[in-house]
Amino acid sequence: MRATENSAQTLSSENRVLTARYMLPDQSEHACQVKELTLDGASFVADTIPQPGQAVIAYIEELGRIEAVTGDATEDGFVVLYALQGARLERLKQRIGFFLQRATGDRSDQRRHARYEPVDKSLQMTLPDGRVYNCEVIDISTSGAGVKTDIMPSIGTQLMLGKMRGRVVRYLDDGIAIEFVKQLDQTQMPAVRGFAA
């Protein structure tokens, strides 16, 4: 696995130690440590070295379940490449990319306007296919909102947050960030408590 030239998109054990475990096709589970993590794959430090080309399920601290295929052995472990395709792969890369930004110190807030904590955090989110989900608004501004939700629509997905139309612009630790299609004016803002932390 080649490390990306952009250090902001690579996490090494020098920056952060992540524990993980992986399950082989025979259902055996093994502990490991993430030596390097990129948008394309990872390098594990492990005692049990599987043969290349095996399908594995890895559970990485703070990232969760990842489907991968084993690659070459290294001096202290082996590498894996992500096995997902299409939209599932893009969602995984978005999740990893956001995690890498935080882990390598890029914590710049991409929201341009003051954020407030709504008095009533419960709202409904409606996807393009008509499915409706309950969600919790973490914070809101005139340009967008941070929403806690169990579903992770693809980046760029158009949706309705209550009566506000927006699109998914990035993933958060426990949800999504939505940018409103049309900036709200103060009269359209829901009741708020004050500045969000």
Protein backbone atom coordinates (compact mmCIF):
# COMPACT_ATOMS: atom_id res chain seq x y z
CA MET A 1 0.00 0.00 0.00
CA ARG A 2 1.38 3.36 -0.98
CA ALA A 3 1.01 6.19 1.49
CA THR A 4 -0.75 9.20 0.13
CA GLU A 5 1.34 12.30 -0.47
CA ASN A 6 -1.16 14.37 1.50
CA SER A 7 -0.30 13.85 5.17
CA ALA A 8 -3.76 15.09 6.12
CA GLN A 9 -5.15 11.96 4.46
CA THR A 10 -2.80 9.52 6.18
CA LEU A 11 -2.79 8.47 9.81
CA SER A 12 0.25 6.66 11.15
CA SER A 13 0.88 5.16 14.58
CA GLU A 14 3.20 8.13 15.20
CA ASN A 15 0.11 10.42 15.19
CA ARG A 16 -2.42 8.19 16.88
CA VAL A 17 -2.58 4.59 18.10
CA LEU A 18 -5.76 2.81 17.01
CA THR A 19 -6.65 -0.66 18.18
CA ALA A 20 -8.58 -3.03 15.96
CA ARG A 21 -9.51 -6.62 15.41
CA TYR A 22 -10.19 -8.61 12.28
CA MET A 23 -12.13 -11.73 11.42
CA LEU A 24 -10.85 -14.23 8.85
CA PRO A 25 -13.02 -16.41 6.57
CA ASP A 26 -12.76 -19.26 9.11
CA GLN A 27 -14.56 -16.96 11.64
CA SER A 28 -11.46 -16.66 13.84
CA GLU A 29 -10.88 -13.22 15.36
CA HIS A 30 -7.50 -11.63 15.99
CA ALA A 31 -6.41 -8.42 17.72
CA CYS A 32 -4.20 -5.94 15.88
CA GLN A 33 -3.05 -2.34 15.84
CA VAL A 34 -3.46 0.10 12.97
CA LYS A 35 -0.02 1.13 11.79
CA GLU A 36 -1.24 3.27 8.90
CA LEU A 37 -4.67 4.33 7.67
CA THR A 38 -5.43 5.98 4.33
CA LEU A 39 -8.45 6.50 2.09
CA ASP A 40 -7.50 3.36 0.15
CA GLY A 41 -6.54 0.86 2.84
CA ALA A 42 -4.71 0.20 6.08
CA SER A 43 -1.62 -1.48 7.46
CA PHE A 44 -2.06 -3.67 10.54
CA VAL A 45 0.49 -4.80 13.13
CA ALA A 46 -0.53 -8.37 13.96
CA ASP A 47 0.79 -11.72 15.17
CA THR A 48 -1.37 -13.77 12.80
CA ILE A 49 -0.57 -13.03 9.16
CA PRO A 50 -3.24 -14.20 6.67
CA GLN A 51 -2.52 -15.16 3.10
CA PRO A 52 -3.00 -12.38 0.50
CA GLY A 53 -6.39 -12.19 -1.20
CA GLN A 54 -8.54 -13.24 1.76
CA ALA A 55 -11.74 -11.42 2.62
CA VAL A 56 -11.63 -10.01 6.14
CA ILE A 57 -13.97 -7.99 8.33
CA ALA A 58 -12.05 -5.42 10.36
CA TYR A 59 -13.41 -3.51 13.35
CA ILE A 60 -11.33 -0.37 13.83
CA GLU A 61 -11.60 1.83 16.91
CA GLU A 62 -13.75 4.92 16.21
CA LEU A 63 -14.46 3.79 12.64
CA GLY A 64 -16.35 0.56 13.15
CA ARG A 65 -16.83 -2.28 10.67
CA ILE A 66 -14.84 -2.27 7.44
CA GLU A 67 -14.87 -4.92 4.72
CA ALA A 68 -11.44 -5.49 3.21
CA VAL A 69 -9.17 -7.86 1.30
CA THR A 70 -5.75 -8.81 2.62
CA GLY A 71 -2.67 -7.73 0.71
CA ASP A 72 1.04 -8.32 1.15
CA ALA A 73 2.68 -9.16 4.46
CA THR A 74 4.91 -6.55 6.10
CA GLU A 75 7.72 -6.96 8.62
CA ASP A 76 5.28 -6.75 11.51
CA GLY A 77 1.88 -7.49 10.00
CA PHE A 78 0.01 -7.05 6.72
CA VAL A 79 -1.90 -4.56 4.60
CA VAL A 80 -5.58 -4.53 3.62
CA LEU A 81 -7.45 -2.78 0.83
CA TYR A 82 -11.10 -1.78 1.21
CA ALA A 83 -13.44 -4.19 -0.58
CA LEU A 84 -16.49 -1.95 -0.97
CA GLN A 85 -17.57 -0.46 -4.28
CA GLY A 86 -19.68 2.38 -5.58
CA ALA A 87 -21.68 4.46 -3.13
CA ARG A 88 -20.73 2.27 -0.16
CA LEU A 89 -17.04 2.90 -0.85
CA GLU A 90 -17.61 6.63 -1.22
CA ARG A 91 -19.44 6.77 2.12
CA LEU A 92 -16.60 4.86 3.76
CA LYS A 93 -14.01 7.24 2.28
CA GLN A 94 -16.00 10.24 3.50
CA ARG A 95 -16.13 8.74 7.00
CA ILE A 96 -12.42 7.96 7.00
CA GLY A 97 -11.52 11.32 5.49
CA PHE A 98 -13.37 13.19 8.22
CA PHE A 99 -11.76 11.01 10.88
CA LEU A 100 -8.30 11.62 9.40
CA GLN A 101 -8.86 15.39 9.38
CA ARG A 102 -9.69 15.33 13.09
CA ALA A 103 -6.92 12.88 14.00
CA THR A 104 -4.21 14.84 12.20
CA GLY A 105 -5.21 18.17 13.70
CA ASP A 106 -7.30 19.73 10.93
CA ARG A 107 -10.24 20.80 13.07
CA SER A 108 -11.20 23.89 11.11
CA ASP A 109 -14.91 24.56 11.40
CA GLN A 110 -16.40 24.71 7.94
CA ARG A 111 -19.50 26.53 9.09
CA ARG A 112 -19.43 30.21 8.15
CA HIS A 113 -22.16 31.54 10.44
CA ALA A 114 -22.80 31.59 14.18
CA ARG A 115 -24.23 28.31 15.46
CA TYR A 116 -27.05 28.11 17.97
CA GLU A 117 -28.56 25.35 20.07
CA PRO A 118 -32.27 24.91 19.26
CA VAL A 119 -34.78 24.78 22.12
CA ASP A 120 -36.58 21.84 20.49
CA LYS A 121 -33.95 19.51 19.05
CA SER A 122 -36.36 16.92 17.65
CA LEU A 123 -37.10 17.17 13.93
CA GLN A 124 -37.93 14.92 11.02
CA MET A 125 -35.64 14.43 8.05
CA THR A 126 -37.18 13.49 4.70
CA LEU A 127 -35.08 11.85 1.99
CA PRO A 128 -35.71 12.15 -1.78
CA ASP A 129 -37.50 8.77 -1.89
CA GLY A 130 -40.00 9.93 0.72
CA ARG A 131 -38.60 8.02 3.68
CA VAL A 132 -38.89 9.99 6.93
CA TYR A 133 -36.56 9.65 9.92
CA ASN A 134 -36.57 11.23 13.33
CA CYS A 135 -33.35 13.09 14.13
CA GLU A 136 -31.83 15.44 16.68
CA VAL A 137 -30.53 18.88 15.72
CA ILE A 138 -27.17 19.41 17.42
CA ASP A 139 -26.82 23.02 16.34
CA ILE A 140 -28.19 25.30 13.66
CA SER A 141 -27.22 28.50 11.85
CA THR A 142 -28.75 30.53 9.04
CA SER A 143 -26.70 28.49 6.53
CA GLY A 144 -27.01 24.93 7.84
CA ALA A 145 -27.34 22.49 10.70
CA GLY A 146 -25.54 19.65 12.42
CA VAL A 147 -27.86 16.67 12.83
CA LYS A 148 -27.49 13.56 14.96
CA THR A 149 -28.86 10.57 13.06
CA ASP A 150 -28.31 6.85 12.62
CA ILE A 151 -28.58 7.01 8.83
CA MET A 152 -25.76 8.31 6.65
CA PRO A 153 -27.03 9.60 3.27
CA SER A 154 -24.42 10.10 0.57
CA ILE A 155 -22.65 13.45 0.38
CA GLY A 156 -24.70 15.73 -1.87
CA THR A 157 -28.05 14.09 -1.05
CA GLN A 158 -30.90 16.61 -1.15
CA LEU A 159 -33.31 16.37 1.77
CA MET A 160 -35.78 18.22 3.94
CA LEU A 161 -34.97 19.00 7.57
CA GLY A 162 -38.39 19.88 8.90
CA LYS A 163 -39.50 22.53 6.38
CA MET A 164 -35.93 23.52 5.47
CA ARG A 165 -34.47 22.20 2.23
CA GLY A 166 -30.78 21.34 2.22
CA ARG A 167 -28.08 18.91 1.17
CA VAL A 168 -25.58 16.73 3.00
CA VAL A 169 -22.12 18.33 2.87
CA ARG A 170 -20.06 16.20 5.28
CA TYR A 171 -20.20 13.58 8.01
CA LEU A 172 -19.94 14.27 11.73
CA ASP A 173 -18.97 11.91 14.55
CA ASP A 174 -22.57 10.87 15.12
CA GLY A 175 -24.47 12.29 12.18
CA ILE A 176 -24.34 14.68 9.23
CA ALA A 177 -23.85 18.35 8.41
CA ILE A 178 -26.55 19.89 6.23
CA GLU A 179 -26.19 23.05 4.18
CA PHE A 180 -29.45 24.83 3.44
CA VAL A 181 -30.24 25.46 -0.21
CA LYS A 182 -31.41 28.97 0.70
CA GLN A 183 -29.96 30.82 3.66
CA LEU A 184 -32.51 31.39 6.39
CA ASP A 185 -33.36 34.81 7.71
CA GLN A 186 -33.82 35.34 11.42
CA THR A 187 -37.60 35.00 11.20
CA GLN A 188 -37.23 31.46 9.80
CA MET A 189 -34.85 30.33 12.51
CA PRO A 190 -36.36 28.01 15.13
CA ALA A 191 -36.28 29.11 18.77
CA VAL A 192 -32.71 28.87 20.07
CA ARG A 193 -31.01 28.99 23.48
CA GLY A 194 -27.82 30.73 22.47
CA PHE A 195 -24.44 30.01 20.99
CA ALA A 196 -23.59 26.32 20.62
CA ALA A 197 -20.35 25.08 22.10
